[in-house]
Amino acid sequence: MANWNDPRPTRTSFGSSPQSVGSLGTERAGTMDQGLRRHMLSIYNYMTSGVLLTGVVALLFSRGGAESPAANLFMNGGILAWVVILSPLAIVFAMSFGARRFSTGTLQAMFWGFAVLMGLSMSTIFLVYTGASIAAAFFATAGAFAGLSLFGYTTQKDLSGFGSFLIMGVIGLLIASVINMFLGSEPLSYAISFLGVLIFAGLTAYDTQRLKNEYLSVQHAKMTNPGAVAAFPLGKMAILGALSLYLDFINMFQFLLSFMGQRD
């Protein structure tokens, strides 16, 4: 195991044995592994809490069916409905491009606010689809997400090459969705939903590996240059990582629901 602080790792210091140097390297590797597990657990805790918060808000906002606040807000239209729909997107851009300026506490507040607004905007699914369909799609998404994220975390295959391809796929989905708003084609809608599930499934594995590698890169930089100032705090990295995985989960769920869901 490499000695990160020694520019000549093959040479031992006076009075040291090769075994002691190797033990030091093993200890540091173990520390990094423990730190990685804590970091990823923090990401998953944020992400899971955000998804649950969104679900609870959506369920409560849609209670009452046609007489619910969700029906009154979205079915009647108006500028407030568009504010609720577009606000989550604005928060995503603000968090992504302003992360270095915001404090960790501010990013946390923005993440929870984002989860609440997503719950308001997604409340209409309880007015459109049956409860059984929503539950089936949610648990199917949860199972797929867990498996794909585990694959991204454990695989030795480099998934970075798929990143650009998957992002282009997301852009293609957006363009196709806008076009279908005017065409109203049901076959195209099914095709978009099917491809959406596949693309965000791939992004789940890709983003998990990316978040893992980002942490390892930061820790490696700290070990090779202990005096350097941290480029990005781990607390912020955890929140932004949770946002990425949250978006993967929610989009996969929505596309799967529109593909297999039964309408009321």
C-alpha atoms as a PDB file:
ATOM      1  CA  MET A   1       0.000   0.000   0.000  1.00  0.00           C
ATOM      2  CA  ALA A   2       1.347   3.385  -0.941  1.00  0.00           C
ATOM      3  CA  ASN A   3       2.534   5.816   1.705  1.00  0.00           C
ATOM      4  CA  TRP A   4       0.717   8.991   0.607  1.00  0.00           C
ATOM      5  CA  ASN A   5       3.011  11.387   2.489  1.00  0.00           C
ATOM      6  CA  ASP A   6       6.279   9.980   1.176  1.00  0.00           C
ATOM      7  CA  PRO A   7       7.293  10.970  -2.354  1.00  0.00           C
ATOM      8  CA  ARG A   8       9.536   7.883  -2.410  1.00  0.00           C
ATOM      9  CA  PRO A   9       7.234   5.200  -1.017  1.00  0.00           C
ATOM     10  CA  THR A  10       9.618   2.319  -1.624  1.00  0.00           C
ATOM     11  CA  ARG A  11      12.196   3.686   0.860  1.00  0.00           C
ATOM     12  CA  THR A  12      11.672   3.194   4.590  1.00  0.00           C
ATOM     13  CA  SER A  13      12.853   5.577   7.262  1.00  0.00           C
ATOM     14  CA  PHE A  14      15.621   4.711   9.736  1.00  0.00           C
ATOM     15  CA  GLY A  15      14.388   2.187  12.285  1.00  0.00           C
ATOM     16  CA  SER A  16      11.255   1.322  10.352  1.00  0.00           C
ATOM     17  CA  SER A  17      10.476  -2.051   8.911  1.00  0.00           C
ATOM     18  CA  PRO A  18       8.687  -2.687   5.624  1.00  0.00           C
ATOM     19  CA  GLN A  19       5.881  -4.289   7.604  1.00  0.00           C
ATOM     20  CA  SER A  20       5.296  -1.117   9.648  1.00  0.00           C
ATOM     21  CA  VAL A  21       5.103   1.012   6.511  1.00  0.00           C
ATOM     22  CA  GLY A  22       2.669  -1.433   4.954  1.00  0.00           C
ATOM     23  CA  SER A  23       0.563  -1.379   8.124  1.00  0.00           C
ATOM     24  CA  LEU A  24       0.431   2.419   7.950  1.00  0.00           C
ATOM     25  CA  GLY A  25      -0.773   2.273   4.361  1.00  0.00           C
ATOM     26  CA  THR A  26      -3.378  -0.356   5.258  1.00  0.00           C
ATOM     27  CA  GLU A  27      -4.607   1.795   8.130  1.00  0.00           C
ATOM     28  CA  ARG A  28      -5.004   4.796   5.837  1.00  0.00           C
ATOM     29  CA  ALA A  29      -6.830   2.708   3.248  1.00  0.00           C
ATOM     30  CA  GLY A  30      -9.159   1.434   5.971  1.00  0.00           C
ATOM     31  CA  THR A  31      -9.802   4.974   7.144  1.00  0.00           C
ATOM     32  CA  MET A  32     -10.629   6.059   3.592  1.00  0.00           C
ATOM     33  CA  ASP A  33     -13.013   3.104   3.170  1.00  0.00           C
ATOM     34  CA  GLN A  34     -14.820   3.991   6.388  1.00  0.00           C
ATOM     35  CA  GLY A  35     -15.030   7.620   5.335  1.00  0.00           C
ATOM     36  CA  LEU A  36     -16.438   6.616   1.960  1.00  0.00           C
ATOM     37  CA  ARG A  37     -19.117   4.492   3.576  1.00  0.00           C
ATOM     38  CA  ARG A  38     -20.095   7.342   5.909  1.00  0.00           C
ATOM     39  CA  HIS A  39     -20.173   9.789   2.999  1.00  0.00           C
ATOM     40  CA  MET A  40     -22.342   7.552   0.805  1.00  0.00           C
ATOM     41  CA  LEU A  41     -24.635   6.779   3.756  1.00  0.00           C
ATOM     42  CA  SER A  42     -25.073  10.522   4.291  1.00  0.00           C
ATOM     43  CA  ILE A  43     -26.011  10.916   0.617  1.00  0.00           C
ATOM     44  CA  TYR A  44     -28.538   8.077   0.786  1.00  0.00           C
ATOM     45  CA  ASN A  45     -30.035   9.436   4.019  1.00  0.00           C
ATOM     46  CA  TYR A  46     -30.560  12.865   2.459  1.00  0.00           C
ATOM     47  CA  MET A  47     -31.945  11.353  -0.722  1.00  0.00           C
ATOM     48  CA  THR A  48     -34.329   8.924   1.026  1.00  0.00           C
ATOM     49  CA  SER A  49     -35.590  11.616   3.398  1.00  0.00           C
ATOM     50  CA  GLY A  50     -36.188  13.934   0.442  1.00  0.00           C
ATOM     51  CA  VAL A  51     -38.158  11.296  -1.465  1.00  0.00           C
ATOM     52  CA  LEU A  52     -40.283  10.484   1.601  1.00  0.00           C
ATOM     53  CA  LEU A  53     -40.927  14.186   2.251  1.00  0.00           C
ATOM     54  CA  THR A  54     -42.032  14.633  -1.354  1.00  0.00           C
ATOM     55  CA  GLY A  55     -44.382  11.660  -1.093  1.00  0.00           C
ATOM     56  CA  VAL A  56     -45.972  12.829   2.142  1.00  0.00           C
ATOM     57  CA  VAL A  57     -46.509  16.372   0.810  1.00  0.00           C
ATOM     58  CA  ALA A  58     -47.976  15.041  -2.454  1.00  0.00           C
ATOM     59  CA  LEU A  59     -50.341  12.704  -0.608  1.00  0.00           C
ATOM     60  CA  LEU A  60     -51.566  15.366   1.824  1.00  0.00           C
ATOM     61  CA  PHE A  61     -51.960  18.033  -0.877  1.00  0.00           C
ATOM     62  CA  SER A  62     -54.095  15.703  -2.993  1.00  0.00           C
ATOM     63  CA  ARG A  63     -56.411  14.538  -0.196  1.00  0.00           C
ATOM     64  CA  GLY A  64     -60.007  15.198  -1.096  1.00  0.00           C
ATOM     65  CA  GLY A  65     -59.775  14.193  -4.760  1.00  0.00           C
ATOM     66  CA  ALA A  66     -61.567  16.673  -6.975  1.00  0.00           C
ATOM     67  CA  GLU A  67     -62.002  19.008  -4.004  1.00  0.00           C
ATOM     68  CA  SER A  68     -58.349  18.810  -2.906  1.00  0.00           C
ATOM     69  CA  PRO A  69     -55.951  21.765  -2.888  1.00  0.00           C
ATOM     70  CA  ALA A  70     -54.027  20.033  -5.703  1.00  0.00           C
ATOM     71  CA  ALA A  71     -57.120  19.912  -7.913  1.00  0.00           C
ATOM     72  CA  ASN A  72     -57.996  23.524  -7.180  1.00  0.00           C
ATOM     73  CA  LEU A  73     -54.451  24.682  -7.948  1.00  0.00           C
ATOM     74  CA  PHE A  74     -53.526  22.658 -11.027  1.00  0.00           C
ATOM     75  CA  MET A  75     -56.816  21.828 -12.687  1.00  0.00           C
ATOM     76  CA  ASN A  76     -57.844  25.481 -12.768  1.00  0.00           C
ATOM     77  CA  GLY A  77     -54.428  26.604 -14.001  1.00  0.00           C
ATOM     78  CA  GLY A  78     -53.139  30.078 -13.367  1.00  0.00           C
ATOM     79  CA  ILE A  79     -49.792  31.671 -12.672  1.00  0.00           C
ATOM     80  CA  LEU A  80     -49.464  30.113  -9.195  1.00  0.00           C
ATOM     81  CA  ALA A  81     -49.611  26.618 -10.695  1.00  0.00           C
ATOM     82  CA  TRP A  82     -46.747  27.468 -13.053  1.00  0.00           C
ATOM     83  CA  VAL A  83     -44.740  28.948 -10.182  1.00  0.00           C
ATOM     84  CA  VAL A  84     -45.067  25.685  -8.247  1.00  0.00           C
ATOM     85  CA  ILE A  85     -44.195  23.606 -11.310  1.00  0.00           C
ATOM     86  CA  LEU A  86     -41.141  25.632 -12.324  1.00  0.00           C
ATOM     87  CA  SER A  87     -39.760  26.469  -8.859  1.00  0.00           C
ATOM     88  CA  PRO A  88     -38.063  23.072  -8.350  1.00  0.00           C
ATOM     89  CA  LEU A  89     -36.169  23.525 -11.611  1.00  0.00           C
ATOM     90  CA  ALA A  90     -35.031  26.985 -10.520  1.00  0.00           C
ATOM     91  CA  ILE A  91     -33.765  25.555  -7.212  1.00  0.00           C
ATOM     92  CA  VAL A  92     -31.844  22.793  -9.007  1.00  0.00           C
ATOM     93  CA  PHE A  93     -30.043  25.373 -11.154  1.00  0.00           C
ATOM     94  CA  ALA A  94     -29.363  27.601  -8.145  1.00  0.00           C
ATOM     95  CA  MET A  95     -27.907  24.705  -6.117  1.00  0.00           C
ATOM     96  CA  SER A  96     -25.831  23.410  -9.017  1.00  0.00           C
ATOM     97  CA  PHE A  97     -24.294  26.699 -10.113  1.00  0.00           C
ATOM     98  CA  GLY A  98     -24.201  28.515  -6.778  1.00  0.00           C
ATOM     99  CA  ALA A  99     -23.012  25.717  -4.494  1.00  0.00           C
ATOM    100  CA  ARG A 100     -19.627  27.346  -3.858  1.00  0.00           C
ATOM    101  CA  ARG A 101     -21.242  30.594  -2.705  1.00  0.00           C
ATOM    102  CA  PHE A 102     -23.927  29.018  -0.501  1.00  0.00           C
ATOM    103  CA  SER A 103     -23.201  27.676   2.959  1.00  0.00           C
ATOM    104  CA  THR A 104     -23.912  24.053   3.819  1.00  0.00           C
ATOM    105  CA  GLY A 105     -26.915  25.137   5.892  1.00  0.00           C
ATOM    106  CA  THR A 106     -28.324  27.140   2.977  1.00  0.00           C
ATOM    107  CA  LEU A 107     -27.945  24.159   0.631  1.00  0.00           C
ATOM    108  CA  GLN A 108     -29.738  21.959   3.153  1.00  0.00           C
ATOM    109  CA  ALA A 109     -32.649  24.414   3.364  1.00  0.00           C
ATOM    110  CA  MET A 110     -32.807  24.611  -0.434  1.00  0.00           C
ATOM    111  CA  PHE A 111     -32.827  20.815  -0.708  1.00  0.00           C
ATOM    112  CA  TRP A 112     -35.729  20.450   1.738  1.00  0.00           C
ATOM    113  CA  GLY A 113     -37.588  23.295   0.051  1.00  0.00           C
ATOM    114  CA  PHE A 114     -37.035  21.596  -3.286  1.00  0.00           C
ATOM    115  CA  ALA A 115     -38.448  18.315  -1.917  1.00  0.00           C
ATOM    116  CA  VAL A 116     -41.568  20.110  -0.637  1.00  0.00           C
ATOM    117  CA  LEU A 117     -42.165  21.912  -3.954  1.00  0.00           C
ATOM    118  CA  MET A 118     -41.700  18.638  -5.828  1.00  0.00           C
ATOM    119  CA  GLY A 119     -44.349  17.130  -3.572  1.00  0.00           C
ATOM    120  CA  LEU A 120     -46.769  19.926  -4.460  1.00  0.00           C
ATOM    121  CA  SER A 121     -46.100  19.595  -8.193  1.00  0.00           C
ATOM    122  CA  MET A 122     -46.333  15.774  -8.125  1.00  0.00           C
ATOM    123  CA  SER A 123     -49.567  15.707  -6.122  1.00  0.00           C
ATOM    124  CA  THR A 124     -51.577  15.423  -9.327  1.00  0.00           C
ATOM    125  CA  ILE A 125     -50.467  11.803  -9.801  1.00  0.00           C
ATOM    126  CA  PHE A 126     -52.867  10.888  -6.978  1.00  0.00           C
ATOM    127  CA  LEU A 127     -55.672  12.504  -8.985  1.00  0.00           C
ATOM    128  CA  VAL A 128     -54.775  10.706 -12.223  1.00  0.00           C
ATOM    129  CA  TYR A 129     -53.536   7.214 -11.275  1.00  0.00           C
ATOM    130  CA  THR A 130     -54.892   4.564  -8.954  1.00  0.00           C
ATOM    131  CA  GLY A 131     -53.271   4.127  -5.568  1.00  0.00           C
ATOM    132  CA  ALA A 132     -52.292   0.558  -6.442  1.00  0.00           C
ATOM    133  CA  SER A 133     -50.499   1.732  -9.604  1.00  0.00           C
ATOM    134  CA  ILE A 134     -48.607   4.405  -7.699  1.00  0.00           C
ATOM    135  CA  ALA A 135     -47.549   1.936  -5.008  1.00  0.00           C
ATOM    136  CA  ALA A 136     -46.467  -0.666  -7.586  1.00  0.00           C
ATOM    137  CA  ALA A 137     -44.439   1.878  -9.542  1.00  0.00           C
ATOM    138  CA  PHE A 138     -42.832   3.226  -6.364  1.00  0.00           C
ATOM    139  CA  PHE A 139     -41.713  -0.145  -5.027  1.00  0.00           C
ATOM    140  CA  ALA A 140     -40.538  -1.257  -8.475  1.00  0.00           C
ATOM    141  CA  THR A 141     -38.493   1.936  -8.741  1.00  0.00           C
ATOM    142  CA  ALA A 142     -37.107   1.496  -5.214  1.00  0.00           C
ATOM    143  CA  GLY A 143     -35.979  -2.053  -5.982  1.00  0.00           C
ATOM    144  CA  ALA A 144     -34.431  -1.096  -9.313  1.00  0.00           C
ATOM    145  CA  PHE A 145     -32.735   1.941  -7.810  1.00  0.00           C
ATOM    146  CA  ALA A 146     -31.201  -0.104  -4.991  1.00  0.00           C
ATOM    147  CA  GLY A 147     -29.831  -2.700  -7.408  1.00  0.00           C
ATOM    148  CA  LEU A 148     -28.502  -0.170  -9.911  1.00  0.00           C
ATOM    149  CA  SER A 149     -26.906   2.016  -7.249  1.00  0.00           C
ATOM    150  CA  LEU A 150     -25.243  -1.043  -5.702  1.00  0.00           C
ATOM    151  CA  PHE A 151     -23.929  -1.977  -9.136  1.00  0.00           C
ATOM    152  CA  GLY A 152     -22.542   1.514  -9.671  1.00  0.00           C
ATOM    153  CA  TYR A 153     -20.862   1.427  -6.262  1.00  0.00           C
ATOM    154  CA  THR A 154     -19.253  -2.008  -6.574  1.00  0.00           C
ATOM    155  CA  THR A 155     -18.468  -2.427 -10.271  1.00  0.00           C
ATOM    156  CA  GLN A 156     -14.873  -2.187 -11.442  1.00  0.00           C
ATOM    157  CA  LYS A 157     -16.044  -1.102 -14.893  1.00  0.00           C
ATOM    158  CA  ASP A 158     -15.550   2.588 -15.638  1.00  0.00           C
ATOM    159  CA  LEU A 159     -18.984   4.066 -16.375  1.00  0.00           C
ATOM    160  CA  SER A 160     -17.764   7.597 -17.081  1.00  0.00           C
ATOM    161  CA  GLY A 161     -17.956   7.026 -20.831  1.00  0.00           C
ATOM    162  CA  PHE A 162     -21.722   6.587 -20.577  1.00  0.00           C
ATOM    163  CA  GLY A 163     -22.246   9.978 -18.944  1.00  0.00           C
ATOM    164  CA  SER A 164     -22.328  12.101 -22.099  1.00  0.00           C
ATOM    165  CA  PHE A 165     -24.485   9.529 -23.867  1.00  0.00           C
ATOM    166  CA  LEU A 166     -27.031   9.488 -21.038  1.00  0.00           C
ATOM    167  CA  ILE A 167     -27.158  13.294 -20.773  1.00  0.00           C
ATOM    168  CA  MET A 168     -27.798  13.491 -24.500  1.00  0.00           C
ATOM    169  CA  GLY A 169     -30.576  10.952 -23.955  1.00  0.00           C
ATOM    170  CA  VAL A 170     -32.158  13.223 -21.335  1.00  0.00           C
ATOM    171  CA  ILE A 171     -32.042  16.160 -23.750  1.00  0.00           C
ATOM    172  CA  GLY A 172     -33.635  13.968 -26.411  1.00  0.00           C
ATOM    173  CA  LEU A 173     -36.409  13.014 -23.982  1.00  0.00           C
ATOM    174  CA  LEU A 174     -37.130  16.680 -23.242  1.00  0.00           C
ATOM    175  CA  ILE A 175     -37.335  17.543 -26.930  1.00  0.00           C
ATOM    176  CA  ALA A 176     -39.553  14.534 -27.690  1.00  0.00           C
ATOM    177  CA  SER A 177     -41.827  15.383 -24.742  1.00  0.00           C
ATOM    178  CA  VAL A 178     -42.281  18.968 -25.937  1.00  0.00           C
ATOM    179  CA  ILE A 179     -43.073  17.759 -29.466  1.00  0.00           C
ATOM    180  CA  ASN A 180     -45.583  15.248 -28.141  1.00  0.00           C
ATOM    181  CA  MET A 181     -47.369  18.003 -26.233  1.00  0.00           C
ATOM    182  CA  PHE A 182     -48.539  19.218 -29.649  1.00  0.00           C
ATOM    183  CA  LEU A 183     -48.919  15.836 -31.351  1.00  0.00           C
ATOM    184  CA  GLY A 184     -50.643  14.007 -28.516  1.00  0.00           C
ATOM    185  CA  SER A 185     -49.390  10.667 -29.830  1.00  0.00           C
ATOM    186  CA  GLU A 186     -50.003   7.788 -27.415  1.00  0.00           C
ATOM    187  CA  PRO A 187     -47.419   5.457 -29.027  1.00  0.00           C
ATOM    188  CA  LEU A 188     -44.793   8.216 -28.814  1.00  0.00           C
ATOM    189  CA  SER A 189     -45.765   8.805 -25.187  1.00  0.00           C
ATOM    190  CA  TYR A 190     -45.172   5.113 -24.395  1.00  0.00           C
ATOM    191  CA  ALA A 191     -41.846   5.192 -26.238  1.00  0.00           C
ATOM    192  CA  ILE A 192     -40.736   8.281 -24.276  1.00  0.00           C
ATOM    193  CA  SER A 193     -41.708   6.622 -20.998  1.00  0.00           C
ATOM    194  CA  PHE A 194     -39.895   3.383 -21.847  1.00  0.00           C
ATOM    195  CA  LEU A 195     -36.717   5.190 -22.895  1.00  0.00           C
ATOM    196  CA  GLY A 196     -36.974   7.452 -19.853  1.00  0.00           C
ATOM    197  CA  VAL A 197     -36.919   4.457 -17.520  1.00  0.00           C
ATOM    198  CA  LEU A 198     -33.831   3.050 -19.265  1.00  0.00           C
ATOM    199  CA  ILE A 199     -31.955   6.368 -19.335  1.00  0.00           C
ATOM    200  CA  PHE A 200     -32.508   7.197 -15.665  1.00  0.00           C
ATOM    201  CA  ALA A 201     -31.707   3.623 -14.700  1.00  0.00           C
ATOM    202  CA  GLY A 202     -28.343   4.118 -16.382  1.00  0.00           C
ATOM    203  CA  LEU A 203     -27.894   7.490 -14.706  1.00  0.00           C
ATOM    204  CA  THR A 204     -28.492   5.897 -11.302  1.00  0.00           C
ATOM    205  CA  ALA A 205     -25.501   3.582 -11.724  1.00  0.00           C
ATOM    206  CA  TYR A 206     -23.403   6.292 -13.368  1.00  0.00           C
ATOM    207  CA  ASP A 207     -24.100   8.935 -10.707  1.00  0.00           C
ATOM    208  CA  THR A 208     -23.397   6.504  -7.868  1.00  0.00           C
ATOM    209  CA  GLN A 209     -19.977   5.682  -9.294  1.00  0.00           C
ATOM    210  CA  ARG A 210     -19.314   9.373  -9.984  1.00  0.00           C
ATOM    211  CA  LEU A 211     -20.112  10.339  -6.388  1.00  0.00           C
ATOM    212  CA  LYS A 212     -17.887   7.557  -5.077  1.00  0.00           C
ATOM    213  CA  ASN A 213     -14.996   8.637  -7.304  1.00  0.00           C
ATOM    214  CA  GLU A 214     -15.422  12.300  -6.353  1.00  0.00           C
ATOM    215  CA  TYR A 215     -15.015  11.423  -2.680  1.00  0.00           C
ATOM    216  CA  LEU A 216     -11.956   9.250  -3.343  1.00  0.00           C
ATOM    217  CA  SER A 217     -10.421  12.023  -5.438  1.00  0.00           C
ATOM    218  CA  VAL A 218     -10.890  14.584  -2.659  1.00  0.00           C
ATOM    219  CA  GLN A 219      -9.451  12.266  -0.019  1.00  0.00           C
ATOM    220  CA  HIS A 220      -6.497  11.361  -2.224  1.00  0.00           C
ATOM    221  CA  ALA A 221      -5.760  15.069  -2.732  1.00  0.00           C
ATOM    222  CA  LYS A 222      -5.863  15.633   1.047  1.00  0.00           C
ATOM    223  CA  MET A 223      -3.412  12.787   1.635  1.00  0.00           C
ATOM    224  CA  THR A 224      -0.957  13.832  -1.048  1.00  0.00           C
ATOM    225  CA  ASN A 225      -1.093  17.494  -0.019  1.00  0.00           C
ATOM    226  CA  PRO A 226      -2.311  17.739   3.601  1.00  0.00           C
ATOM    227  CA  GLY A 227      -1.677  21.491   3.769  1.00  0.00           C
ATOM    228  CA  ALA A 228      -3.954  22.308   0.845  1.00  0.00           C
ATOM    229  CA  VAL A 229      -7.308  23.949   1.473  1.00  0.00           C
ATOM    230  CA  ALA A 230     -10.241  21.653   0.692  1.00  0.00           C
ATOM    231  CA  ALA A 231     -11.688  22.530  -2.698  1.00  0.00           C
ATOM    232  CA  PHE A 232     -15.223  21.572  -1.709  1.00  0.00           C
ATOM    233  CA  PRO A 233     -16.566  20.582   1.747  1.00  0.00           C
ATOM    234  CA  LEU A 234     -17.866  17.038   2.078  1.00  0.00           C
ATOM    235  CA  GLY A 235     -21.109  18.331   3.573  1.00  0.00           C
ATOM    236  CA  LYS A 236     -21.921  20.201   0.387  1.00  0.00           C
ATOM    237  CA  MET A 237     -20.845  17.217  -1.719  1.00  0.00           C
ATOM    238  CA  ALA A 238     -23.308  15.017   0.184  1.00  0.00           C
ATOM    239  CA  ILE A 239     -26.244  17.377  -0.403  1.00  0.00           C
ATOM    240  CA  LEU A 240     -25.523  17.806  -4.105  1.00  0.00           C
ATOM    241  CA  GLY A 241     -24.988  14.057  -4.446  1.00  0.00           C
ATOM    242  CA  ALA A 242     -28.352  13.430  -2.799  1.00  0.00           C
ATOM    243  CA  LEU A 243     -29.953  15.870  -5.234  1.00  0.00           C
ATOM    244  CA  SER A 244     -28.519  13.936  -8.196  1.00  0.00           C
ATOM    245  CA  LEU A 245     -29.755  10.572  -6.935  1.00  0.00           C
ATOM    246  CA  TYR A 246     -33.114  12.082  -5.945  1.00  0.00           C
ATOM    247  CA  LEU A 247     -33.632  13.310  -9.504  1.00  0.00           C
ATOM    248  CA  ASP A 248     -32.666   9.899 -10.895  1.00  0.00           C
ATOM    249  CA  PHE A 249     -35.162   8.168  -8.596  1.00  0.00           C
ATOM    250  CA  ILE A 250     -38.059  10.578  -9.136  1.00  0.00           C
ATOM    251  CA  ASN A 251     -37.674  10.650 -12.908  1.00  0.00           C
ATOM    252  CA  MET A 252     -37.426   6.878 -13.137  1.00  0.00           C
ATOM    253  CA  PHE A 253     -40.552   6.616 -10.966  1.00  0.00           C
ATOM    254  CA  GLN A 254     -42.526   9.099 -13.068  1.00  0.00           C
ATOM    255  CA  PHE A 255     -41.602   7.471 -16.373  1.00  0.00           C
ATOM    256  CA  LEU A 256     -42.364   4.014 -15.001  1.00  0.00           C
ATOM    257  CA  LEU A 257     -45.721   5.201 -13.646  1.00  0.00           C
ATOM    258  CA  SER A 258     -46.711   6.777 -16.965  1.00  0.00           C
ATOM    259  CA  PHE A 259     -45.665   3.562 -18.735  1.00  0.00           C
ATOM    260  CA  MET A 260     -47.404   0.995 -16.520  1.00  0.00           C
ATOM    261  CA  GLY A 261     -49.818   3.020 -14.368  1.00  0.00           C
ATOM    262  CA  GLN A 262     -53.562   2.506 -14.398  1.00  0.00           C
ATOM    263  CA  ARG A 263     -55.628   5.682 -14.550  1.00  0.00           C
ATOM    264  CA  ASP A 264     -58.669   6.370 -12.374  1.00  0.00           C
END
